[in-house]
């Protein structure tokens, strides 16, 4: 389409010359018809040139004072919005990248945590087995010592009873028979 100002300058030229051409054509048409239709006949004179000059001056003044600054503001706003849009897109992309990085870091941390947990559980199970084996060994040795002690005490009681068997037998016999044997 070319430059942005080209479209407006062509539109301005068309807007300026169209009324001028229409005025000239209508004046010639009324003058050549020779009929008076009861209306007002306008014959262009020098005031048309002044009106055209006034119109061109107003178009130029409004263009300088109003239209160009407004178009500049609108174009600046459009550029600013475009810049904000691109910065927003960059921020969204950055946010998505950070979310992916965070999700990956969390996943890695969970994996490391599970590995460490498994290691700790394995170590705890090994330590538990060692403690249970140590407790079982101590219980076995205490049980063996208790058995030996009981066996020794039983042997001592048997020997002491063995020595007293004859005495007890004679006393029992004496009580049953009622006399000494």
N, C-alpha and C. Protein backbone atom coordinates (compact mmCIF):
# COMPACT_ATOMS: atom_id res chain seq x y z
N UNK A 1 0.80 -1.19 0.00
CA UNK A 1 0.00 0.00 0.00
C UNK A 1 0.84 1.25 0.00
N UNK A 2 2.09 1.16 0.27
CA UNK A 2 2.95 2.35 0.25
C UNK A 2 3.04 2.99 1.61
N UNK A 3 3.37 4.26 1.61
CA UNK A 3 3.52 5.02 2.85
C UNK A 3 2.15 5.28 3.47
N UNK A 4 2.10 5.36 4.83
CA UNK A 4 0.81 5.61 5.47
C UNK A 4 0.26 6.99 5.14
N UNK A 5 1.07 7.99 4.93
CA UNK A 5 0.60 9.34 4.63
C UNK A 5 0.08 9.47 3.22
N UNK A 6 0.46 8.58 2.30
CA UNK A 6 0.06 8.66 0.90
C UNK A 6 -1.45 8.51 0.77
N UNK A 7 -2.02 7.59 1.50
CA UNK A 7 -3.45 7.36 1.43
C UNK A 7 -4.22 8.60 1.87
N UNK A 8 -3.75 9.25 2.94
CA UNK A 8 -4.44 10.44 3.46
C UNK A 8 -4.29 11.63 2.51
N UNK A 9 -3.12 11.75 1.89
CA UNK A 9 -2.94 12.88 0.96
C UNK A 9 -3.79 12.70 -0.29
N UNK A 10 -3.97 11.45 -0.76
CA UNK A 10 -4.83 11.22 -1.92
C UNK A 10 -6.29 11.49 -1.55
N UNK A 11 -6.68 11.09 -0.35
CA UNK A 11 -8.03 11.35 0.11
C UNK A 11 -8.27 12.85 0.24
N UNK A 12 -7.28 13.55 0.78
CA UNK A 12 -7.40 15.01 0.93
C UNK A 12 -7.53 15.69 -0.41
N UNK A 13 -6.74 15.26 -1.40
CA UNK A 13 -6.82 15.87 -2.74
C UNK A 13 -8.19 15.61 -3.35
N UNK A 14 -8.71 14.41 -3.21
CA UNK A 14 -10.03 14.10 -3.75
C UNK A 14 -11.09 14.93 -3.04
N UNK A 15 -10.96 15.12 -1.73
CA UNK A 15 -11.93 15.90 -0.97
C UNK A 15 -11.89 17.37 -1.37
N UNK A 16 -10.74 17.85 -1.77
CA UNK A 16 -10.60 19.26 -2.16
C UNK A 16 -11.16 19.51 -3.55
N UNK A 17 -10.83 18.66 -4.48
CA UNK A 17 -11.21 18.91 -5.87
C UNK A 17 -12.65 18.50 -6.21
N UNK A 18 -13.23 17.59 -5.47
CA UNK A 18 -14.59 17.16 -5.78
C UNK A 18 -15.60 18.31 -5.64
N UNK A 19 -15.65 19.08 -4.55
CA UNK A 19 -16.63 20.18 -4.49
C UNK A 19 -16.39 21.22 -5.57
N UNK A 20 -15.13 21.49 -5.87
CA UNK A 20 -14.81 22.48 -6.90
C UNK A 20 -15.38 22.07 -8.25
N UNK A 21 -15.18 20.81 -8.61
CA UNK A 21 -15.67 20.30 -9.89
C UNK A 21 -17.19 20.30 -9.91
N UNK A 22 -17.82 19.91 -8.81
CA UNK A 22 -19.27 19.89 -8.75
C UNK A 22 -19.86 21.30 -8.89
N UNK A 23 -19.22 22.27 -8.27
CA UNK A 23 -19.70 23.65 -8.36
C UNK A 23 -19.60 24.15 -9.80
N UNK A 24 -18.48 23.88 -10.43
CA UNK A 24 -18.30 24.34 -11.81
C UNK A 24 -19.30 23.67 -12.76
N UNK A 25 -19.49 22.36 -12.58
CA UNK A 25 -20.41 21.64 -13.47
C UNK A 25 -21.85 22.09 -13.26
N UNK A 26 -22.25 22.29 -12.02
CA UNK A 26 -23.64 22.71 -11.77
C UNK A 26 -23.87 24.13 -12.28
N UNK A 27 -22.89 24.97 -12.19
CA UNK A 27 -23.03 26.33 -12.71
C UNK A 27 -23.17 26.33 -14.21
N UNK A 28 -22.40 25.52 -14.88
CA UNK A 28 -22.49 25.46 -16.34
C UNK A 28 -23.81 24.83 -16.77
N UNK A 29 -24.28 23.84 -16.02
CA UNK A 29 -25.53 23.18 -16.38
C UNK A 29 -26.69 24.15 -16.26
N UNK A 30 -26.72 24.97 -15.22
CA UNK A 30 -27.80 25.93 -15.04
C UNK A 30 -27.73 27.04 -16.07
N UNK A 31 -26.56 27.44 -16.38
CA UNK A 31 -26.41 28.54 -17.34
C UNK A 31 -26.80 28.08 -18.74
N UNK A 32 -26.50 26.84 -19.09
CA UNK A 32 -26.77 26.37 -20.44
C UNK A 32 -28.21 25.97 -20.63
N UNK A 33 -28.94 25.65 -19.60
CA UNK A 33 -30.31 25.18 -19.77
C UNK A 33 -31.23 26.32 -20.14
N UNK A 34 -30.99 27.48 -19.70
CA UNK A 34 -31.78 28.65 -20.07
C UNK A 34 -33.14 28.65 -19.40
N UNK A 35 -33.51 27.64 -18.74
CA UNK A 35 -34.79 27.62 -18.06
C UNK A 35 -34.58 28.10 -16.65
N UNK A 36 -35.59 28.73 -16.19
CA UNK A 36 -35.49 29.06 -14.79
C UNK A 36 -36.56 28.25 -14.12
N UNK A 37 -36.12 27.39 -13.26
CA UNK A 37 -37.02 26.46 -12.62
C UNK A 37 -37.58 27.02 -11.35
N UNK A 38 -37.50 28.29 -11.17
CA UNK A 38 -38.04 28.87 -9.97
C UNK A 38 -37.08 28.79 -8.82
N UNK A 39 -35.92 28.23 -9.06
CA UNK A 39 -34.95 28.14 -8.00
C UNK A 39 -33.92 29.23 -8.11
N UNK A 40 -32.99 29.22 -7.22
CA UNK A 40 -31.94 30.21 -7.20
C UNK A 40 -30.85 29.74 -8.12
N UNK A 41 -30.44 30.59 -8.98
CA UNK A 41 -29.36 30.25 -9.89
C UNK A 41 -28.08 30.83 -9.32
N UNK A 42 -27.10 29.95 -9.12
CA UNK A 42 -25.82 30.37 -8.58
C UNK A 42 -24.83 30.38 -9.72
N UNK A 43 -24.28 31.55 -9.93
CA UNK A 43 -23.26 31.66 -10.95
C UNK A 43 -21.94 31.85 -10.21
N UNK A 44 -21.00 30.93 -10.50
CA UNK A 44 -19.74 31.05 -9.79
C UNK A 44 -19.02 32.33 -10.17
N UNK A 45 -18.50 32.97 -9.14
CA UNK A 45 -17.72 34.17 -9.36
C UNK A 45 -16.44 34.08 -8.54
N UNK A 46 -15.83 35.19 -8.22
CA UNK A 46 -14.55 35.22 -7.51
C UNK A 46 -14.68 34.70 -6.08
N UNK A 47 -15.88 34.71 -5.50
CA UNK A 47 -16.04 34.22 -4.13
C UNK A 47 -15.82 32.70 -4.04
N UNK A 48 -16.04 31.99 -5.15
CA UNK A 48 -15.78 30.55 -5.16
C UNK A 48 -14.30 30.29 -4.94
N UNK A 49 -13.45 31.09 -5.58
CA UNK A 49 -12.01 30.95 -5.42
C UNK A 49 -11.64 31.21 -3.97
N UNK A 50 -12.25 32.23 -3.34
CA UNK A 50 -11.96 32.54 -1.94
C UNK A 50 -12.42 31.39 -1.05
N UNK A 51 -13.60 30.83 -1.36
CA UNK A 51 -14.09 29.71 -0.57
C UNK A 51 -13.18 28.48 -0.71
N UNK A 52 -12.71 28.25 -1.93
CA UNK A 52 -11.79 27.12 -2.16
C UNK A 52 -10.50 27.36 -1.41
N UNK A 53 -9.99 28.57 -1.47
CA UNK A 53 -8.75 28.91 -0.73
C UNK A 53 -8.98 28.74 0.77
N UNK A 54 -10.14 29.20 1.25
CA UNK A 54 -10.48 29.06 2.67
C UNK A 54 -10.55 27.58 3.05
N UNK A 55 -11.19 26.77 2.17
CA UNK A 55 -11.30 25.34 2.42
C UNK A 55 -9.92 24.68 2.47
N UNK A 56 -9.06 25.01 1.51
CA UNK A 56 -7.71 24.45 1.48
C UNK A 56 -6.91 24.88 2.71
N UNK A 57 -7.07 26.15 3.11
CA UNK A 57 -6.37 26.63 4.31
C UNK A 57 -6.84 25.86 5.55
N UNK A 58 -8.16 25.65 5.67
CA UNK A 58 -8.69 24.91 6.83
C UNK A 58 -8.19 23.46 6.82
N UNK A 59 -8.19 22.83 5.64
CA UNK A 59 -7.69 21.45 5.56
C UNK A 59 -6.23 21.41 6.00
N UNK A 60 -5.41 22.31 5.50
CA UNK A 60 -3.99 22.34 5.88
C UNK A 60 -3.80 22.64 7.36
N UNK A 61 -4.55 23.64 7.88
CA UNK A 61 -4.42 24.00 9.29
C UNK A 61 -4.87 22.86 10.18
N UNK A 62 -6.02 22.24 9.85
CA UNK A 62 -6.49 21.11 10.65
C UNK A 62 -5.54 19.92 10.56
N UNK A 63 -4.98 19.76 9.37
CA UNK A 63 -4.01 18.68 9.21
C UNK A 63 -2.81 18.91 10.14
N UNK A 64 -2.29 20.13 10.17
CA UNK A 64 -1.14 20.42 11.03
C UNK A 64 -1.51 20.39 12.51
N UNK A 65 -2.63 20.99 12.86
CA UNK A 65 -2.98 21.16 14.27
C UNK A 65 -3.66 19.92 14.84
N UNK A 66 -4.50 19.25 14.08
CA UNK A 66 -5.33 18.20 14.64
C UNK A 66 -5.03 16.81 14.10
N UNK A 67 -5.10 16.63 12.77
CA UNK A 67 -5.02 15.29 12.21
C UNK A 67 -3.66 14.64 12.40
N UNK A 68 -2.58 15.34 12.10
CA UNK A 68 -1.24 14.74 12.23
C UNK A 68 -0.93 14.37 13.68
N UNK A 69 -1.16 15.26 14.65
CA UNK A 69 -0.89 14.86 16.04
C UNK A 69 -1.74 13.66 16.49
N UNK A 70 -3.00 13.65 16.07
CA UNK A 70 -3.86 12.52 16.45
C UNK A 70 -3.35 11.23 15.80
N UNK A 71 -2.99 11.31 14.51
CA UNK A 71 -2.45 10.12 13.84
C UNK A 71 -1.15 9.68 14.49
N UNK A 72 -0.30 10.66 14.88
CA UNK A 72 0.96 10.32 15.55
C UNK A 72 0.68 9.64 16.89
N UNK A 73 -0.27 10.18 17.65
CA UNK A 73 -0.62 9.58 18.94
C UNK A 73 -1.16 8.17 18.73
N UNK A 74 -2.03 8.01 17.73
CA UNK A 74 -2.58 6.69 17.45
C UNK A 74 -1.49 5.71 17.02
N UNK A 75 -0.56 6.17 16.18
CA UNK A 75 0.52 5.28 15.75
C UNK A 75 1.44 4.95 16.92
N UNK A 76 1.74 5.95 17.79
CA UNK A 76 2.55 5.68 18.98
C UNK A 76 1.86 4.68 19.89
N UNK A 77 0.55 4.86 20.05
CA UNK A 77 -0.21 3.94 20.90
C UNK A 77 -0.18 2.53 20.32
N UNK A 78 -0.32 2.44 18.98
CA UNK A 78 -0.29 1.14 18.33
C UNK A 78 1.06 0.46 18.54
N UNK A 79 2.15 1.24 18.39
CA UNK A 79 3.49 0.69 18.62
C UNK A 79 3.68 0.27 20.07
N UNK A 80 3.16 1.10 20.98
CA UNK A 80 3.27 0.78 22.41
C UNK A 80 2.51 -0.50 22.74
N UNK A 81 1.30 -0.63 22.17
CA UNK A 81 0.50 -1.84 22.41
C UNK A 81 1.20 -3.05 21.81
N UNK A 82 1.77 -2.86 20.61
CA UNK A 82 2.51 -3.97 19.98
C UNK A 82 3.70 -4.36 20.85
N UNK A 83 4.42 -3.35 21.38
CA UNK A 83 5.56 -3.63 22.26
C UNK A 83 5.12 -4.32 23.54
N UNK A 84 4.00 -3.86 24.11
CA UNK A 84 3.49 -4.51 25.32
C UNK A 84 3.04 -5.93 25.03
N UNK A 85 2.44 -6.11 23.85
CA UNK A 85 2.02 -7.46 23.47
C UNK A 85 3.20 -8.40 23.35
N UNK A 86 4.27 -7.92 22.72
CA UNK A 86 5.45 -8.78 22.58
C UNK A 86 6.11 -9.02 23.93
N UNK A 87 6.14 -7.99 24.79
CA UNK A 87 6.73 -8.20 26.12
C UNK A 87 5.87 -9.14 26.94
N UNK A 88 4.55 -9.08 26.74
CA UNK A 88 3.66 -10.00 27.43
C UNK A 88 3.90 -11.43 26.93
N UNK A 89 4.04 -11.58 25.63
CA UNK A 89 4.33 -12.92 25.08
C UNK A 89 5.65 -13.44 25.62
N UNK A 90 6.67 -12.57 25.69
CA UNK A 90 7.96 -12.98 26.24
C UNK A 90 7.83 -13.37 27.70
N UNK A 91 7.03 -12.61 28.45
CA UNK A 91 6.83 -12.93 29.86
C UNK A 91 6.11 -14.27 30.01
N UNK A 92 5.12 -14.51 29.15
CA UNK A 92 4.39 -15.79 29.21
C UNK A 92 5.33 -16.94 28.86
N UNK A 93 6.14 -16.75 27.82
CA UNK A 93 7.10 -17.80 27.45
C UNK A 93 8.07 -18.05 28.59
N UNK A 94 8.57 -16.97 29.19
CA UNK A 94 9.49 -17.10 30.32
C UNK A 94 8.82 -17.82 31.48
N UNK A 95 7.55 -17.49 31.74
CA UNK A 95 6.81 -18.14 32.81
C UNK A 95 6.66 -19.63 32.54
N UNK A 96 6.32 -19.98 31.29
CA UNK A 96 6.17 -21.40 30.95
C UNK A 96 7.50 -22.13 31.10
N UNK A 97 8.57 -21.48 30.68
CA UNK A 97 9.90 -22.09 30.81
C UNK A 97 10.25 -22.30 32.28
N UNK A 98 9.95 -21.30 33.10
CA UNK A 98 10.24 -21.43 34.54
C UNK A 98 9.37 -22.51 35.16
N UNK A 99 8.11 -22.63 34.72
CA UNK A 99 7.25 -23.69 35.23
C UNK A 99 7.80 -25.06 34.86
N UNK A 100 8.27 -25.19 33.62
CA UNK A 100 8.86 -26.48 33.21
C UNK A 100 10.11 -26.78 34.02
N UNK A 101 10.94 -25.75 34.23
CA UNK A 101 12.16 -25.94 35.01
C UNK A 101 11.82 -26.34 36.43
N UNK A 102 10.83 -25.66 37.02
CA UNK A 102 10.41 -25.97 38.39
C UNK A 102 9.85 -27.38 38.47
N UNK A 103 9.01 -27.76 37.51
CA UNK A 103 8.44 -29.11 37.51
C UNK A 103 9.54 -30.16 37.39
N UNK A 104 10.53 -29.88 36.54
CA UNK A 104 11.64 -30.83 36.40
C UNK A 104 12.45 -30.90 37.69
N UNK A 105 12.69 -29.75 38.32
CA UNK A 105 13.43 -29.74 39.57
C UNK A 105 12.68 -30.50 40.65
N UNK A 106 11.36 -30.33 40.71
CA UNK A 106 10.56 -31.06 41.70
C UNK A 106 10.62 -32.56 41.43
N UNK A 107 10.51 -32.93 40.14
CA UNK A 107 10.56 -34.34 39.78
C UNK A 107 11.91 -34.94 40.17
N UNK A 108 13.01 -34.22 39.87
CA UNK A 108 14.34 -34.69 40.22
C UNK A 108 14.50 -34.80 41.74
N UNK A 109 13.98 -33.80 42.45
CA UNK A 109 14.07 -33.82 43.91
C UNK A 109 13.30 -35.01 44.48
N UNK A 110 12.12 -35.28 43.92
CA UNK A 110 11.35 -36.44 44.38
C UNK A 110 12.10 -37.73 44.12
N UNK A 111 12.71 -37.83 42.94
CA UNK A 111 13.47 -39.04 42.61
C UNK A 111 14.64 -39.22 43.57
N UNK A 112 15.36 -38.10 43.84
CA UNK A 112 16.47 -38.17 44.79
C UNK A 112 15.96 -38.53 46.18
N UNK A 113 14.82 -37.96 46.57
CA UNK A 113 14.24 -38.26 47.88
C UNK A 113 13.85 -39.72 48.00
N UNK A 114 13.24 -40.28 46.94
CA UNK A 114 12.87 -41.69 46.98
C UNK A 114 14.10 -42.58 47.05
N UNK A 115 15.15 -42.22 46.30
CA UNK A 115 16.38 -43.00 46.35
C UNK A 115 16.97 -42.96 47.75
N UNK A 116 17.01 -41.76 48.32
CA UNK A 116 17.57 -41.60 49.67
C UNK A 116 16.72 -42.36 50.68
N UNK A 117 15.39 -42.32 50.50
CA UNK A 117 14.49 -43.05 51.39
C UNK A 117 14.77 -44.54 51.31
N UNK A 118 14.91 -45.06 50.08
CA UNK A 118 15.20 -46.49 49.91
C UNK A 118 16.52 -46.86 50.55
N UNK A 119 17.52 -45.98 50.39
CA UNK A 119 18.82 -46.23 51.01
C UNK A 119 18.70 -46.26 52.52
N UNK A 120 17.98 -45.30 53.07
CA UNK A 120 17.80 -45.24 54.52
C UNK A 120 17.02 -46.46 55.03
N UNK A 121 15.99 -46.88 54.27
CA UNK A 121 15.21 -48.05 54.67
C UNK A 121 16.10 -49.29 54.64
N UNK A 122 16.91 -49.43 53.61
CA UNK A 122 17.82 -50.58 53.51
C UNK A 122 18.81 -50.58 54.67
N UNK A 123 19.37 -49.42 54.97
CA UNK A 123 20.31 -49.32 56.10
C UNK A 123 19.61 -49.65 57.42
N UNK A 124 18.38 -49.13 57.58
CA UNK A 124 17.64 -49.39 58.81
C UNK A 124 17.33 -50.89 58.94
N UNK A 125 16.95 -51.54 57.84
CA UNK A 125 16.68 -52.97 57.88
C UNK A 125 17.93 -53.76 58.24
N UNK A 126 19.07 -53.37 57.67
CA UNK A 126 20.33 -54.05 57.99
C UNK A 126 20.68 -53.86 59.46
N UNK A 127 20.51 -52.64 59.95
CA UNK A 127 20.81 -52.38 61.36
C UNK A 127 19.84 -53.13 62.26
N UNK A 128 18.58 -53.21 61.83
CA UNK A 128 17.59 -53.96 62.61
C UNK A 128 17.96 -55.44 62.67
N UNK A 129 18.39 -56.01 61.53
CA UNK A 129 18.81 -57.41 61.53
C UNK A 129 20.00 -57.62 62.47
N UNK A 130 20.96 -56.68 62.43
CA UNK A 130 22.12 -56.81 63.32
C UNK A 130 21.69 -56.76 64.78
N UNK A 131 20.81 -55.83 65.11
CA UNK A 131 20.34 -55.72 66.49
C UNK A 131 19.58 -56.97 66.92
N UNK A 132 18.71 -57.48 66.02
CA UNK A 132 17.95 -58.69 66.35
C UNK A 132 18.89 -59.87 66.53
N UNK A 133 19.91 -60.00 65.66
CA UNK A 133 20.88 -61.09 65.80
C UNK A 133 21.65 -60.96 67.10
N UNK A 134 22.03 -59.71 67.44
CA UNK A 134 22.77 -59.50 68.69
C UNK A 134 21.88 -59.85 69.90
N UNK A 135 20.62 -59.44 69.85
CA UNK A 135 19.70 -59.73 70.96
C UNK A 135 19.45 -61.23 71.05
N UNK A 136 19.27 -61.89 69.88
CA UNK A 136 19.09 -63.35 69.88
C UNK A 136 20.32 -64.06 70.43
N UNK A 137 21.51 -63.62 70.04
CA UNK A 137 22.74 -64.25 70.53
C UNK A 137 22.86 -64.07 72.04
N UNK A 138 22.55 -62.85 72.51
CA UNK A 138 22.63 -62.60 73.95
C UNK A 138 21.58 -63.43 74.69
N UNK A 139 20.36 -63.51 74.12
CA UNK A 139 19.31 -64.30 74.75
C UNK A 139 19.70 -65.77 74.78
N UNK A 140 20.30 -66.26 73.68
CA UNK A 140 20.76 -67.67 73.63
C UNK A 140 21.83 -67.93 74.69
N UNK A 141 22.78 -67.00 74.80
CA UNK A 141 23.85 -67.20 75.80
C UNK A 141 23.28 -67.13 77.21
N UNK A 142 22.34 -66.21 77.46
CA UNK A 142 21.72 -66.12 78.79
C UNK A 142 20.89 -67.37 79.06
N UNK A 143 20.20 -67.87 78.03
CA UNK A 143 19.42 -69.09 78.18
C UNK A 143 20.34 -70.27 78.50
N UNK A 144 21.45 -70.35 77.80
CA UNK A 144 22.42 -71.44 78.04
C UNK A 144 22.99 -71.35 79.45
N UNK A 145 23.31 -70.12 79.86
CA UNK A 145 23.85 -69.93 81.23
C UNK A 145 22.80 -70.32 82.27
N UNK A 146 21.54 -69.93 82.02
CA UNK A 146 20.47 -70.28 82.96
C UNK A 146 20.28 -71.79 83.01
N UNK A 147 20.33 -72.45 81.84
CA UNK A 147 20.20 -73.91 81.81
C UNK A 147 21.33 -74.57 82.59
N UNK A 148 22.55 -74.08 82.37
CA UNK A 148 23.70 -74.65 83.09
C UNK A 148 23.56 -74.42 84.59
N UNK A 149 23.09 -73.25 84.96
CA UNK A 149 22.92 -72.93 86.38
C UNK A 149 21.85 -73.83 86.99
N UNK A 150 20.73 -74.00 86.23
CA UNK A 150 19.65 -74.87 86.74
C UNK A 150 20.13 -76.30 86.82
N UNK A 151 20.88 -76.73 85.78
CA UNK A 151 21.41 -78.10 85.80
C UNK A 151 22.37 -78.28 86.97
N UNK A 152 23.20 -77.28 87.24
CA UNK A 152 24.13 -77.37 88.37
C UNK A 152 23.38 -77.40 89.69
N UNK A 153 22.37 -76.56 89.81
CA UNK A 153 21.59 -76.54 91.04
C UNK A 153 20.83 -77.85 91.21
N UNK A 154 20.27 -78.38 90.10
CA UNK A 154 19.55 -79.66 90.17
C UNK A 154 20.49 -80.77 90.59
N UNK A 155 21.69 -80.78 90.09
CA UNK A 155 22.70 -81.79 90.45
C UNK A 155 23.07 -81.68 91.93
N UNK A 156 23.20 -80.41 92.39
CA UNK A 156 23.55 -80.21 93.81
C UNK A 156 22.41 -80.68 94.70
N UNK A 157 21.17 -80.38 94.29
CA UNK A 157 20.02 -80.82 95.08
C UNK A 157 19.93 -82.34 95.05
N UNK A 158 20.17 -82.97 93.94
CA UNK A 158 20.12 -84.43 93.83
C UNK A 158 21.16 -85.07 94.73
N UNK A 159 22.36 -84.52 94.72
CA UNK A 159 23.42 -85.09 95.56
C UNK A 159 23.08 -84.93 97.04
N UNK A 160 22.50 -83.74 97.36
CA UNK A 160 22.17 -83.57 98.78
C UNK A 160 21.01 -84.49 99.17
N UNK A 161 20.06 -84.69 98.24
CA UNK A 161 18.97 -85.60 98.52
C UNK A 161 19.46 -87.05 98.54
N UNK A 162 20.44 -87.34 97.71
CA UNK A 162 21.00 -88.70 97.66
C UNK A 162 21.61 -89.04 99.02
N UNK A 163 22.24 -88.09 99.61
CA UNK A 163 22.87 -88.34 100.92
C UNK A 163 21.79 -88.56 101.98
N UNK A 164 20.68 -87.91 101.80
CA UNK A 164 19.65 -87.99 102.84
C UNK A 164 18.59 -89.05 102.52
N UNK A 165 18.71 -89.78 101.42
CA UNK A 165 17.72 -90.77 101.02
C UNK A 165 17.58 -91.85 102.11
N UNK A 166 18.65 -92.33 102.60
CA UNK A 166 18.60 -93.40 103.60
C UNK A 166 17.93 -92.91 104.86
N UNK A 167 18.21 -91.69 105.22
CA UNK A 167 17.61 -91.15 106.45
C UNK A 167 16.11 -90.99 106.23
N UNK A 168 15.73 -90.47 105.12
CA UNK A 168 14.31 -90.29 104.83
C UNK A 168 13.59 -91.65 104.72
N UNK A 169 14.25 -92.59 104.08
CA UNK A 169 13.64 -93.91 103.90
C UNK A 169 13.39 -94.58 105.25
N UNK A 170 14.33 -94.48 106.12
CA UNK A 170 14.14 -95.11 107.43
C UNK A 170 13.07 -94.39 108.23
N UNK A 171 12.98 -93.12 108.14
CA UNK A 171 11.94 -92.37 108.87
C UNK A 171 10.56 -92.68 108.29
N UNK A 172 10.46 -92.78 106.97
CA UNK A 172 9.17 -93.09 106.35
C UNK A 172 8.75 -94.51 106.74
N UNK A 173 9.70 -95.40 106.73
CA UNK A 173 9.40 -96.77 107.08
C UNK A 173 8.94 -96.82 108.54
N UNK A 174 9.60 -96.08 109.37
CA UNK A 174 9.26 -96.05 110.79
C UNK A 174 7.85 -95.51 110.97
N UNK A 175 7.46 -94.54 110.22
CA UNK A 175 6.13 -93.93 110.35
C UNK A 175 5.07 -94.87 109.79
N UNK A 176 5.41 -95.54 108.71
CA UNK A 176 4.41 -96.44 108.12
C UNK A 176 4.24 -97.69 108.96
N UNK A 177 5.33 -98.27 109.36
CA UNK A 177 5.24 -99.50 110.12
C UNK A 177 4.98 -99.23 111.61
N UNK A 178 5.35 -98.12 112.01
CA UNK A 178 5.17 -97.78 113.42
C UNK A 178 6.28 -98.32 114.27
N UNK A 179 7.29 -98.83 113.77
CA UNK A 179 8.45 -99.33 114.50
C UNK A 179 9.69 -99.06 113.74
N UNK A 180 10.84 -99.26 114.33
CA UNK A 180 12.11 -99.01 113.71
C UNK A 180 12.57 -100.25 112.99
N UNK A 181 13.11 -100.08 111.88
CA UNK A 181 13.55 -101.24 111.11
C UNK A 181 15.03 -101.36 111.16
